[in-house]
Amino acid sequence: MPPYSKERRLLQVVVEIPAGTNHEQHYDPATHEFVPTQQAGVERVVEFLPFPGNYGFVPGTRSTTQANSTSVQPVQALVLAESAPAGTILEVVPIGVVLLDVDGALEQTILAVPARPAQRILPDVTDWATLQRRYPAVRQALGLWFQHRNPSAATRIAGWKDEKYAEQQIKAQLQ
């Protein structure tokens, strides 16, 4: 699947974890199924607040973490919208990036909103500056959520970037 839709040439995100759930899962390309994420042989459940958006990936991309360059996965994304079922393909507008230091490895997650205005829960937000101006608490809430979603990992916010940085990172990670 390509990272951009054919018809409208908009960025696409495949939802793996719907907004509002605490149960982590991921897409297994070998079986073409969504399977629960395992941690120490047990299904991983976020022991904090549920996912604040639809968490998934940008198809047709590959990124590596700094700590383990052999761990390759698609670019991760969090779509700030109402809950969508796993497997839903959303056309989105990237609005920023949260940079995370997780146990010494730099990870990044693209922040996005639906491309269709009728699907947006944050009206008029299509860029980082507007999100900051209209909804400044969103950054704080997301920062706390990312820092506390996995108590077994030392996670700190390494930084926030705008939509231009997000687009650069996506293009740099195209297969």
C-alpha atoms as a PDB file:
ATOM      1  CA  MET A   1       0.000   0.000   0.000  1.00  0.00           C
ATOM      2  CA  PRO A   2       1.413   3.416  -0.884  1.00  0.00           C
ATOM      3  CA  PRO A   3       1.908   6.179   1.694  1.00  0.00           C
ATOM      4  CA  TYR A   4      -0.214   8.608  -0.334  1.00  0.00           C
ATOM      5  CA  SER A   5      -3.705   8.005  -1.736  1.00  0.00           C
ATOM      6  CA  LYS A   6      -3.946   7.795  -5.527  1.00  0.00           C
ATOM      7  CA  GLU A   7      -7.066   9.910  -5.906  1.00  0.00           C
ATOM      8  CA  ARG A   8      -6.254  12.888  -3.718  1.00  0.00           C
ATOM      9  CA  ARG A   9      -2.534  12.346  -3.052  1.00  0.00           C
ATOM     10  CA  LEU A  10      -3.057  12.655   0.702  1.00  0.00           C
ATOM     11  CA  LEU A  11      -0.998  10.912   3.367  1.00  0.00           C
ATOM     12  CA  GLN A  12      -2.566   7.665   4.586  1.00  0.00           C
ATOM     13  CA  VAL A  13      -2.432   6.065   8.027  1.00  0.00           C
ATOM     14  CA  VAL A  14      -3.478   2.488   8.779  1.00  0.00           C
ATOM     15  CA  VAL A  15      -5.132   2.339  12.213  1.00  0.00           C
ATOM     16  CA  GLU A  16      -3.700  -0.418  14.422  1.00  0.00           C
ATOM     17  CA  ILE A  17      -5.059   0.734  17.785  1.00  0.00           C
ATOM     18  CA  PRO A  18      -8.375   2.622  17.909  1.00  0.00           C
ATOM     19  CA  ALA A  19      -8.677   5.749  20.034  1.00  0.00           C
ATOM     20  CA  GLY A  20     -10.133   5.011  23.458  1.00  0.00           C
ATOM     21  CA  THR A  21      -8.698   1.543  24.039  1.00  0.00           C
ATOM     22  CA  ASN A  22      -5.944   0.378  26.375  1.00  0.00           C
ATOM     23  CA  HIS A  23      -5.212  -2.826  24.443  1.00  0.00           C
ATOM     24  CA  GLU A  24      -2.150  -2.610  22.226  1.00  0.00           C
ATOM     25  CA  GLN A  25      -2.010  -4.508  18.968  1.00  0.00           C
ATOM     26  CA  HIS A  26      -0.033  -4.330  15.769  1.00  0.00           C
ATOM     27  CA  TYR A  27      -0.355  -5.370  12.159  1.00  0.00           C
ATOM     28  CA  ASP A  28       1.495  -8.573  11.306  1.00  0.00           C
ATOM     29  CA  PRO A  29       2.462  -8.368   7.617  1.00  0.00           C
ATOM     30  CA  ALA A  30       3.160 -12.133   7.502  1.00  0.00           C
ATOM     31  CA  THR A  31      -0.424 -13.064   8.464  1.00  0.00           C
ATOM     32  CA  HIS A  32      -2.166  -9.841   7.345  1.00  0.00           C
ATOM     33  CA  GLU A  33      -3.871  -9.684  10.747  1.00  0.00           C
ATOM     34  CA  PHE A  34      -3.931  -7.376  13.734  1.00  0.00           C
ATOM     35  CA  VAL A  35      -2.498  -9.253  16.709  1.00  0.00           C
ATOM     36  CA  PRO A  36      -2.135  -8.298  20.373  1.00  0.00           C
ATOM     37  CA  THR A  37       1.245  -6.880  21.317  1.00  0.00           C
ATOM     38  CA  GLN A  38       3.044  -9.165  23.748  1.00  0.00           C
ATOM     39  CA  GLN A  39       5.275  -8.100  26.640  1.00  0.00           C
ATOM     40  CA  ALA A  40       6.909 -10.889  28.660  1.00  0.00           C
ATOM     41  CA  GLY A  41       4.457 -13.363  27.108  1.00  0.00           C
ATOM     42  CA  VAL A  42       1.387 -11.388  28.206  1.00  0.00           C
ATOM     43  CA  GLU A  43      -0.867  -9.148  26.116  1.00  0.00           C
ATOM     44  CA  ARG A  44       0.254  -5.544  26.545  1.00  0.00           C
ATOM     45  CA  VAL A  45      -2.371  -3.297  28.119  1.00  0.00           C
ATOM     46  CA  VAL A  46      -1.670   0.372  28.780  1.00  0.00           C
ATOM     47  CA  GLU A  47      -2.015   0.851  32.533  1.00  0.00           C
ATOM     48  CA  PHE A  48      -2.777   4.516  32.218  1.00  0.00           C
ATOM     49  CA  LEU A  49      -5.326   6.464  30.206  1.00  0.00           C
ATOM     50  CA  PRO A  50      -6.466   4.910  26.906  1.00  0.00           C
ATOM     51  CA  PHE A  51      -5.003   5.910  23.548  1.00  0.00           C
ATOM     52  CA  PRO A  52      -5.882   9.587  22.942  1.00  0.00           C
ATOM     53  CA  GLY A  53      -6.121   9.081  19.174  1.00  0.00           C
ATOM     54  CA  ASN A  54      -6.004   6.371  16.544  1.00  0.00           C
ATOM     55  CA  TYR A  55      -2.491   4.924  16.636  1.00  0.00           C
ATOM     56  CA  GLY A  56      -1.092   3.340  13.527  1.00  0.00           C
ATOM     57  CA  PHE A  57       1.462   3.594  10.774  1.00  0.00           C
ATOM     58  CA  VAL A  58       2.174   5.227   7.435  1.00  0.00           C
ATOM     59  CA  PRO A  59       2.237   2.425   4.839  1.00  0.00           C
ATOM     60  CA  GLY A  60       5.181   2.247   2.479  1.00  0.00           C
ATOM     61  CA  THR A  61       7.616   3.707   5.019  1.00  0.00           C
ATOM     62  CA  ARG A  62      10.398   2.190   7.095  1.00  0.00           C
ATOM     63  CA  SER A  63      12.247   3.674  10.047  1.00  0.00           C
ATOM     64  CA  THR A  64      14.772   2.362  12.556  1.00  0.00           C
ATOM     65  CA  THR A  65      15.338   3.272  16.177  1.00  0.00           C
ATOM     66  CA  GLN A  66      18.747   4.621  17.167  1.00  0.00           C
ATOM     67  CA  ALA A  67      19.315   2.002  19.854  1.00  0.00           C
ATOM     68  CA  ASN A  68      18.576  -0.956  17.601  1.00  0.00           C
ATOM     69  CA  SER A  69      19.182  -0.253  13.911  1.00  0.00           C
ATOM     70  CA  THR A  70      18.002  -3.784  13.045  1.00  0.00           C
ATOM     71  CA  SER A  71      14.489  -3.027  14.352  1.00  0.00           C
ATOM     72  CA  VAL A  72      12.702  -1.736  11.251  1.00  0.00           C
ATOM     73  CA  GLN A  73       9.071  -0.681  11.352  1.00  0.00           C
ATOM     74  CA  PRO A  74       6.809   1.748   9.495  1.00  0.00           C
ATOM     75  CA  VAL A  75       6.654   5.383  10.572  1.00  0.00           C
ATOM     76  CA  GLN A  76       4.267   5.586  13.546  1.00  0.00           C
ATOM     77  CA  ALA A  77       1.376   8.054  13.650  1.00  0.00           C
ATOM     78  CA  LEU A  78      -1.271   9.243  16.074  1.00  0.00           C
ATOM     79  CA  VAL A  79      -4.403  10.591  14.380  1.00  0.00           C
ATOM     80  CA  LEU A  80      -6.334  12.963  16.624  1.00  0.00           C
ATOM     81  CA  ALA A  81      -9.879  11.933  15.750  1.00  0.00           C
ATOM     82  CA  GLU A  82     -12.826   9.887  16.956  1.00  0.00           C
ATOM     83  CA  SER A  83     -12.213   6.176  17.275  1.00  0.00           C
ATOM     84  CA  ALA A  84     -11.790   4.208  14.050  1.00  0.00           C
ATOM     85  CA  PRO A  85     -11.626   0.391  13.908  1.00  0.00           C
ATOM     86  CA  ALA A  86      -8.301  -1.373  13.415  1.00  0.00           C
ATOM     87  CA  GLY A  87      -7.606  -1.689   9.707  1.00  0.00           C
ATOM     88  CA  THR A  88      -9.240   1.613   8.804  1.00  0.00           C
ATOM     89  CA  ILE A  89      -7.216   3.626   6.313  1.00  0.00           C
ATOM     90  CA  LEU A  90      -7.459   7.339   7.069  1.00  0.00           C
ATOM     91  CA  GLU A  91      -6.392  10.166   4.776  1.00  0.00           C
ATOM     92  CA  VAL A  92      -4.647  12.634   7.057  1.00  0.00           C
ATOM     93  CA  VAL A  93      -2.825  15.936   7.289  1.00  0.00           C
ATOM     94  CA  PRO A  94       0.371  15.736   9.365  1.00  0.00           C
ATOM     95  CA  ILE A  95       0.501  18.583  11.877  1.00  0.00           C
ATOM     96  CA  GLY A  96       3.616  17.748  13.878  1.00  0.00           C
ATOM     97  CA  VAL A  97       5.931  15.205  15.442  1.00  0.00           C
ATOM     98  CA  VAL A  98       6.589  14.209  19.034  1.00  0.00           C
ATOM     99  CA  LEU A  99      10.174  13.063  19.597  1.00  0.00           C
ATOM    100  CA  LEU A 100      10.550  10.543  22.405  1.00  0.00           C
ATOM    101  CA  ASP A 101      13.605   9.258  24.226  1.00  0.00           C
ATOM    102  CA  VAL A 102      12.576   5.720  25.214  1.00  0.00           C
ATOM    103  CA  ASP A 103      15.279   3.971  27.236  1.00  0.00           C
ATOM    104  CA  GLY A 104      17.926   5.898  25.313  1.00  0.00           C
ATOM    105  CA  ALA A 105      16.446   5.270  21.840  1.00  0.00           C
ATOM    106  CA  LEU A 106      15.051   8.191  19.877  1.00  0.00           C
ATOM    107  CA  GLU A 107      11.554   7.449  18.537  1.00  0.00           C
ATOM    108  CA  GLN A 108       9.188   9.717  16.706  1.00  0.00           C
ATOM    109  CA  THR A 109       5.455   9.687  16.199  1.00  0.00           C
ATOM    110  CA  ILE A 110       3.743  11.763  13.543  1.00  0.00           C
ATOM    111  CA  LEU A 111       0.758  13.729  14.867  1.00  0.00           C
ATOM    112  CA  ALA A 112      -2.033  14.080  12.331  1.00  0.00           C
ATOM    113  CA  VAL A 113      -5.653  15.090  11.869  1.00  0.00           C
ATOM    114  CA  PRO A 114      -8.133  13.693   9.334  1.00  0.00           C
ATOM    115  CA  ALA A 115      -7.944  15.329   5.913  1.00  0.00           C
ATOM    116  CA  ARG A 116     -11.736  15.505   5.750  1.00  0.00           C
ATOM    117  CA  PRO A 117     -12.930  18.447   7.873  1.00  0.00           C
ATOM    118  CA  ALA A 118     -16.110  16.566   8.896  1.00  0.00           C
ATOM    119  CA  GLN A 119     -13.938  13.927  10.644  1.00  0.00           C
ATOM    120  CA  ARG A 120     -11.933  16.416  12.722  1.00  0.00           C
ATOM    121  CA  ILE A 121     -12.446  16.777  16.453  1.00  0.00           C
ATOM    122  CA  LEU A 122     -10.176  19.847  16.512  1.00  0.00           C
ATOM    123  CA  PRO A 123     -11.864  22.212  14.029  1.00  0.00           C
ATOM    124  CA  ASP A 124      -9.585  24.277  11.790  1.00  0.00           C
ATOM    125  CA  VAL A 125      -6.389  22.515  12.954  1.00  0.00           C
ATOM    126  CA  THR A 126      -4.243  21.682   9.936  1.00  0.00           C
ATOM    127  CA  ASP A 127      -0.840  22.796  11.228  1.00  0.00           C
ATOM    128  CA  TRP A 128       1.294  22.947  14.370  1.00  0.00           C
ATOM    129  CA  ALA A 129       0.890  26.709  14.939  1.00  0.00           C
ATOM    130  CA  THR A 130      -2.915  26.482  14.909  1.00  0.00           C
ATOM    131  CA  LEU A 131      -2.887  23.517  17.303  1.00  0.00           C
ATOM    132  CA  GLN A 132      -0.629  25.462  19.688  1.00  0.00           C
ATOM    133  CA  ARG A 133      -2.712  28.635  19.448  1.00  0.00           C
ATOM    134  CA  ARG A 134      -6.215  27.115  19.653  1.00  0.00           C
ATOM    135  CA  TYR A 135      -5.575  24.040  21.836  1.00  0.00           C
ATOM    136  CA  PRO A 136      -2.360  24.578  23.863  1.00  0.00           C
ATOM    137  CA  ALA A 137      -3.331  21.906  26.414  1.00  0.00           C
ATOM    138  CA  VAL A 138      -3.247  19.160  23.751  1.00  0.00           C
ATOM    139  CA  ARG A 139       0.563  19.221  23.741  1.00  0.00           C
ATOM    140  CA  GLN A 140       0.655  18.883  27.541  1.00  0.00           C
ATOM    141  CA  ALA A 141      -1.923  16.083  27.554  1.00  0.00           C
ATOM    142  CA  LEU A 142      -0.158  14.120  24.819  1.00  0.00           C
ATOM    143  CA  GLY A 143       3.199  14.622  26.519  1.00  0.00           C
ATOM    144  CA  LEU A 144       1.894  13.183  29.780  1.00  0.00           C
ATOM    145  CA  TRP A 145       0.240  10.286  27.996  1.00  0.00           C
ATOM    146  CA  PHE A 146       3.382   9.309  26.069  1.00  0.00           C
ATOM    147  CA  GLN A 147       5.506   9.575  29.221  1.00  0.00           C
ATOM    148  CA  HIS A 148       3.194   7.342  31.284  1.00  0.00           C
ATOM    149  CA  ARG A 149       1.807   4.809  28.793  1.00  0.00           C
ATOM    150  CA  ASN A 150       4.560   2.268  29.497  1.00  0.00           C
ATOM    151  CA  PRO A 151       5.778   2.255  33.118  1.00  0.00           C
ATOM    152  CA  SER A 152       8.490  -0.322  32.316  1.00  0.00           C
ATOM    153  CA  ALA A 153      10.254   2.132  29.951  1.00  0.00           C
ATOM    154  CA  ALA A 154      11.978   5.370  30.875  1.00  0.00           C
ATOM    155  CA  THR A 155      10.328   7.806  28.468  1.00  0.00           C
ATOM    156  CA  ARG A 156      10.912  11.523  28.177  1.00  0.00           C
ATOM    157  CA  ILE A 157       9.763  14.049  25.607  1.00  0.00           C
ATOM    158  CA  ALA A 158      12.843  14.964  23.550  1.00  0.00           C
ATOM    159  CA  GLY A 159      11.014  17.610  21.535  1.00  0.00           C
ATOM    160  CA  TRP A 160       8.129  18.679  19.352  1.00  0.00           C
ATOM    161  CA  LYS A 161       8.352  19.565  15.670  1.00  0.00           C
ATOM    162  CA  ASP A 162       5.987  21.128  13.144  1.00  0.00           C
ATOM    163  CA  GLU A 163       4.253  19.840  10.022  1.00  0.00           C
ATOM    164  CA  LYS A 164       7.219  20.676   7.758  1.00  0.00           C
ATOM    165  CA  TYR A 165       9.469  18.438   9.830  1.00  0.00           C
ATOM    166  CA  ALA A 166       6.798  15.719   9.749  1.00  0.00           C
ATOM    167  CA  GLU A 167       6.634  15.806   5.939  1.00  0.00           C
ATOM    168  CA  GLN A 168      10.453  15.707   5.715  1.00  0.00           C
ATOM    169  CA  GLN A 169      10.602  12.664   7.994  1.00  0.00           C
ATOM    170  CA  ILE A 170       7.911  10.831   6.039  1.00  0.00           C
ATOM    171  CA  LYS A 171       9.614  11.482   2.700  1.00  0.00           C
ATOM    172  CA  ALA A 172      12.978  10.426   4.148  1.00  0.00           C
ATOM    173  CA  GLN A 173      11.495   7.084   5.266  1.00  0.00           C
ATOM    174  CA  LEU A 174       9.776   6.091   2.015  1.00  0.00           C
ATOM    175  CA  GLN A 175      10.617   2.565   0.853  1.00  0.00           C
END
